[in-house]
Amino acid sequence: MNQIAAIYARVSSDRQKEQQTIGSQRAALFEYAQAHQYTIPPEWQFEDDGYSGGTLVRPGLERLRDLIAQRRSYSYLFKHLMYFPPF
């Protein structure tokens, strides 16, 4: 039986956006999820395109925090741990 997980991807610069970095992060996260039998519901897919890691005020990150606060998911997948700041 698959576990349910949430994913989060972020890019901050125009250069990263042009290089489709969010797309490559999402692809890697979905590949990992499939290999490890995780299901990623559409409403648990979060991203912030063009937001600096220097700020914790990011729409996708805020929605992920809300999900965590509700304890609706216990598995969270990130391409780079640096994209997920400590709370």
N, C-alpha and C. Protein backbone atom coordinates (compact mmCIF):
# COMPACT_ATOMS: atom_id res chain seq x y z
N MET A 1 0.83 -1.18 0.00
CA MET A 1 0.00 0.00 0.00
C MET A 1 0.88 1.25 0.00
N ASN A 2 0.53 2.22 -0.82
CA ASN A 2 1.31 3.45 -0.92
C ASN A 2 1.05 4.38 0.26
N GLN A 3 2.10 5.06 0.66
CA GLN A 3 1.98 6.12 1.64
C GLN A 3 1.67 7.41 0.89
N ILE A 4 1.04 8.35 1.57
CA ILE A 4 0.77 9.64 0.96
C ILE A 4 1.84 10.62 1.44
N ALA A 5 2.34 11.42 0.52
CA ALA A 5 3.37 12.40 0.86
C ALA A 5 3.08 13.72 0.16
N ALA A 6 3.68 14.78 0.67
CA ALA A 6 3.63 16.10 0.06
C ALA A 6 4.99 16.40 -0.55
N ILE A 7 5.01 17.21 -1.61
CA ILE A 7 6.27 17.63 -2.21
C ILE A 7 6.35 19.16 -2.22
N TYR A 8 7.57 19.67 -2.23
CA TYR A 8 7.80 21.11 -2.30
C TYR A 8 9.01 21.37 -3.19
N ALA A 9 8.85 22.30 -4.12
CA ALA A 9 9.94 22.70 -5.01
C ALA A 9 9.98 24.23 -5.06
N ARG A 10 11.18 24.78 -5.25
CA ARG A 10 11.33 26.23 -5.29
C ARG A 10 12.49 26.63 -6.18
N VAL A 11 12.30 27.71 -6.92
CA VAL A 11 13.40 28.39 -7.61
C VAL A 11 13.29 29.87 -7.28
N SER A 12 14.44 30.55 -7.27
CA SER A 12 14.41 31.95 -6.86
C SER A 12 14.81 32.93 -7.95
N SER A 13 15.60 32.51 -8.90
CA SER A 13 16.10 33.48 -9.87
C SER A 13 15.45 33.30 -11.24
N ASP A 14 15.51 34.37 -12.04
CA ASP A 14 15.00 34.30 -13.41
C ASP A 14 15.75 33.23 -14.20
N ARG A 15 17.06 33.13 -13.95
CA ARG A 15 17.86 32.12 -14.66
C ARG A 15 17.37 30.71 -14.33
N GLN A 16 17.10 30.46 -13.05
CA GLN A 16 16.59 29.15 -12.66
C GLN A 16 15.23 28.89 -13.29
N LYS A 17 14.36 29.93 -13.33
CA LYS A 17 13.04 29.76 -13.93
C LYS A 17 13.17 29.40 -15.41
N GLU A 18 14.09 30.08 -16.11
CA GLU A 18 14.30 29.82 -17.54
C GLU A 18 14.81 28.41 -17.79
N GLN A 19 15.57 27.87 -16.86
CA GLN A 19 16.14 26.53 -17.04
C GLN A 19 15.17 25.43 -16.62
N GLN A 20 13.93 25.79 -16.33
CA GLN A 20 12.92 24.80 -15.97
C GLN A 20 13.30 24.03 -14.72
N THR A 21 13.94 24.69 -13.78
CA THR A 21 14.40 24.01 -12.59
C THR A 21 13.25 23.44 -11.76
N ILE A 22 12.13 24.14 -11.68
CA ILE A 22 10.97 23.61 -10.94
C ILE A 22 10.53 22.31 -11.59
N GLY A 23 10.46 22.29 -12.91
CA GLY A 23 10.06 21.07 -13.61
C GLY A 23 11.00 19.92 -13.34
N SER A 24 12.29 20.18 -13.33
CA SER A 24 13.25 19.10 -13.08
C SER A 24 13.18 18.64 -11.62
N GLN A 25 12.96 19.58 -10.69
CA GLN A 25 12.80 19.19 -9.29
C GLN A 25 11.56 18.31 -9.12
N ARG A 26 10.45 18.75 -9.71
CA ARG A 26 9.21 17.98 -9.60
C ARG A 26 9.38 16.58 -10.20
N ALA A 27 10.04 16.51 -11.34
CA ALA A 27 10.26 15.21 -11.99
C ALA A 27 11.07 14.29 -11.08
N ALA A 28 12.11 14.83 -10.46
CA ALA A 28 12.94 14.02 -9.55
C ALA A 28 12.13 13.58 -8.33
N LEU A 29 11.30 14.48 -7.80
CA LEU A 29 10.48 14.13 -6.63
C LEU A 29 9.45 13.06 -6.98
N PHE A 30 8.82 13.17 -8.13
CA PHE A 30 7.85 12.15 -8.53
C PHE A 30 8.52 10.81 -8.82
N GLU A 31 9.71 10.86 -9.39
CA GLU A 31 10.46 9.63 -9.63
C GLU A 31 10.79 8.94 -8.31
N TYR A 32 11.26 9.72 -7.35
CA TYR A 32 11.57 9.17 -6.02
C TYR A 32 10.30 8.61 -5.38
N ALA A 33 9.22 9.36 -5.46
CA ALA A 33 7.96 8.93 -4.85
C ALA A 33 7.49 7.61 -5.44
N GLN A 34 7.56 7.49 -6.74
CA GLN A 34 7.14 6.25 -7.39
C GLN A 34 8.03 5.08 -6.97
N ALA A 35 9.33 5.31 -6.93
CA ALA A 35 10.27 4.25 -6.57
C ALA A 35 10.09 3.79 -5.13
N HIS A 36 9.59 4.69 -4.27
CA HIS A 36 9.44 4.36 -2.85
C HIS A 36 7.97 4.22 -2.44
N GLN A 37 7.12 4.07 -3.40
CA GLN A 37 5.70 3.79 -3.20
C GLN A 37 4.97 4.89 -2.41
N TYR A 38 5.21 6.14 -2.81
CA TYR A 38 4.47 7.27 -2.26
C TYR A 38 3.45 7.72 -3.30
N THR A 39 2.32 8.14 -2.84
CA THR A 39 1.32 8.79 -3.68
C THR A 39 1.34 10.27 -3.34
N ILE A 40 1.33 11.11 -4.36
CA ILE A 40 1.37 12.55 -4.17
C ILE A 40 0.05 13.13 -4.70
N PRO A 41 -0.91 13.43 -3.81
CA PRO A 41 -2.16 14.03 -4.27
C PRO A 41 -1.90 15.42 -4.88
N PRO A 42 -2.66 15.81 -5.88
CA PRO A 42 -2.46 17.13 -6.49
C PRO A 42 -2.50 18.28 -5.49
N GLU A 43 -3.35 18.20 -4.50
CA GLU A 43 -3.46 19.29 -3.53
C GLU A 43 -2.29 19.30 -2.53
N TRP A 44 -1.41 18.34 -2.60
CA TRP A 44 -0.23 18.27 -1.74
C TRP A 44 1.05 18.51 -2.53
N GLN A 45 0.94 19.17 -3.66
CA GLN A 45 2.08 19.52 -4.49
C GLN A 45 2.28 21.04 -4.38
N PHE A 46 3.36 21.44 -3.74
CA PHE A 46 3.59 22.84 -3.46
C PHE A 46 4.84 23.32 -4.17
N GLU A 47 4.79 24.56 -4.66
CA GLU A 47 5.98 25.13 -5.28
C GLU A 47 5.95 26.64 -5.14
N ASP A 48 7.13 27.21 -5.16
CA ASP A 48 7.30 28.66 -5.15
C ASP A 48 8.27 29.01 -6.26
N ASP A 49 7.76 29.65 -7.27
CA ASP A 49 8.54 30.00 -8.45
C ASP A 49 8.91 31.48 -8.36
N GLY A 50 10.19 31.76 -8.17
CA GLY A 50 10.65 33.14 -8.11
C GLY A 50 10.73 33.73 -6.72
N TYR A 51 10.69 32.89 -5.69
CA TYR A 51 10.78 33.36 -4.31
C TYR A 51 12.14 33.04 -3.73
N SER A 52 12.76 34.01 -3.12
CA SER A 52 14.08 33.85 -2.53
C SER A 52 14.00 32.95 -1.30
N GLY A 53 15.05 32.16 -1.11
CA GLY A 53 15.16 31.36 0.10
C GLY A 53 15.46 32.21 1.32
N GLY A 54 15.76 33.51 1.09
CA GLY A 54 16.03 34.41 2.18
C GLY A 54 14.79 34.85 2.94
N THR A 55 13.63 34.53 2.40
CA THR A 55 12.38 34.87 3.08
C THR A 55 11.59 33.60 3.37
N LEU A 56 10.95 33.58 4.51
CA LEU A 56 10.10 32.45 4.85
C LEU A 56 8.65 32.69 4.44
N VAL A 57 8.39 33.86 3.88
CA VAL A 57 7.04 34.20 3.44
C VAL A 57 6.94 33.85 1.96
N ARG A 58 6.49 32.63 1.71
CA ARG A 58 6.33 32.11 0.35
C ARG A 58 4.99 31.39 0.29
N PRO A 59 4.16 31.64 -0.71
CA PRO A 59 2.82 31.06 -0.75
C PRO A 59 2.80 29.53 -0.66
N GLY A 60 3.63 28.87 -1.44
CA GLY A 60 3.66 27.40 -1.40
C GLY A 60 4.12 26.87 -0.06
N LEU A 61 5.13 27.50 0.50
CA LEU A 61 5.64 27.09 1.80
C LEU A 61 4.59 27.32 2.89
N GLU A 62 3.84 28.42 2.78
CA GLU A 62 2.77 28.69 3.75
C GLU A 62 1.71 27.59 3.70
N ARG A 63 1.32 27.18 2.50
CA ARG A 63 0.31 26.11 2.37
C ARG A 63 0.85 24.78 2.90
N LEU A 64 2.14 24.52 2.67
CA LEU A 64 2.75 23.30 3.22
C LEU A 64 2.77 23.35 4.74
N ARG A 65 3.10 24.50 5.30
CA ARG A 65 3.08 24.64 6.76
C ARG A 65 1.68 24.38 7.31
N ASP A 66 0.66 24.88 6.61
CA ASP A 66 -0.72 24.63 7.05
C ASP A 66 -1.02 23.14 7.06
N LEU A 67 -0.57 22.43 6.03
CA LEU A 67 -0.77 20.99 5.96
C LEU A 67 -0.07 20.28 7.12
N ILE A 68 1.15 20.70 7.41
CA ILE A 68 1.91 20.11 8.51
C ILE A 68 1.20 20.38 9.84
N ALA A 69 0.70 21.61 10.02
CA ALA A 69 0.00 21.96 11.26
C ALA A 69 -1.25 21.12 11.46
N GLN A 70 -1.89 20.74 10.36
CA GLN A 70 -3.09 19.91 10.43
C GLN A 70 -2.74 18.43 10.62
N ARG A 71 -1.45 18.13 10.53
CA ARG A 71 -0.95 16.75 10.65
C ARG A 71 -1.65 15.79 9.70
N ARG A 72 -1.86 16.29 8.48
CA ARG A 72 -2.52 15.48 7.46
C ARG A 72 -1.53 14.62 6.69
N SER A 73 -0.26 14.93 6.79
CA SER A 73 0.75 14.15 6.09
C SER A 73 1.96 14.03 7.01
N TYR A 74 2.62 12.90 6.96
CA TYR A 74 3.82 12.70 7.77
C TYR A 74 5.05 12.49 6.90
N SER A 75 4.86 12.50 5.60
CA SER A 75 5.99 12.35 4.69
C SER A 75 6.04 13.58 3.79
N TYR A 76 7.24 14.19 3.72
CA TYR A 76 7.44 15.39 2.92
C TYR A 76 8.69 15.18 2.10
N LEU A 77 8.60 15.43 0.80
CA LEU A 77 9.72 15.20 -0.10
C LEU A 77 10.21 16.53 -0.66
N PHE A 78 11.53 16.73 -0.61
CA PHE A 78 12.18 17.94 -1.10
C PHE A 78 13.37 17.53 -1.94
N LYS A 79 13.62 18.24 -3.02
CA LYS A 79 14.80 17.97 -3.83
C LYS A 79 16.05 18.37 -3.07
N HIS A 80 16.00 19.50 -2.39
CA HIS A 80 17.12 19.99 -1.59
C HIS A 80 16.57 20.39 -0.23
N LEU A 81 17.16 19.89 0.83
CA LEU A 81 16.68 20.22 2.16
C LEU A 81 16.75 21.71 2.44
N MET A 82 17.66 22.42 1.77
CA MET A 82 17.77 23.85 2.00
C MET A 82 16.50 24.59 1.59
N TYR A 83 15.64 23.97 0.78
CA TYR A 83 14.39 24.61 0.39
C TYR A 83 13.37 24.59 1.51
N PHE A 84 13.63 23.79 2.54
CA PHE A 84 12.69 23.67 3.65
C PHE A 84 13.33 24.19 4.92
N PRO A 85 13.01 25.41 5.29
CA PRO A 85 13.63 26.00 6.47
C PRO A 85 13.09 25.40 7.75
N PRO A 86 13.81 25.49 8.83
CA PRO A 86 13.29 25.02 10.11
C PRO A 86 12.14 25.92 10.56
N PHE A 87 11.23 25.35 11.31
CA PHE A 87 10.09 26.13 11.82
C PHE A 87 10.38 26.61 13.22
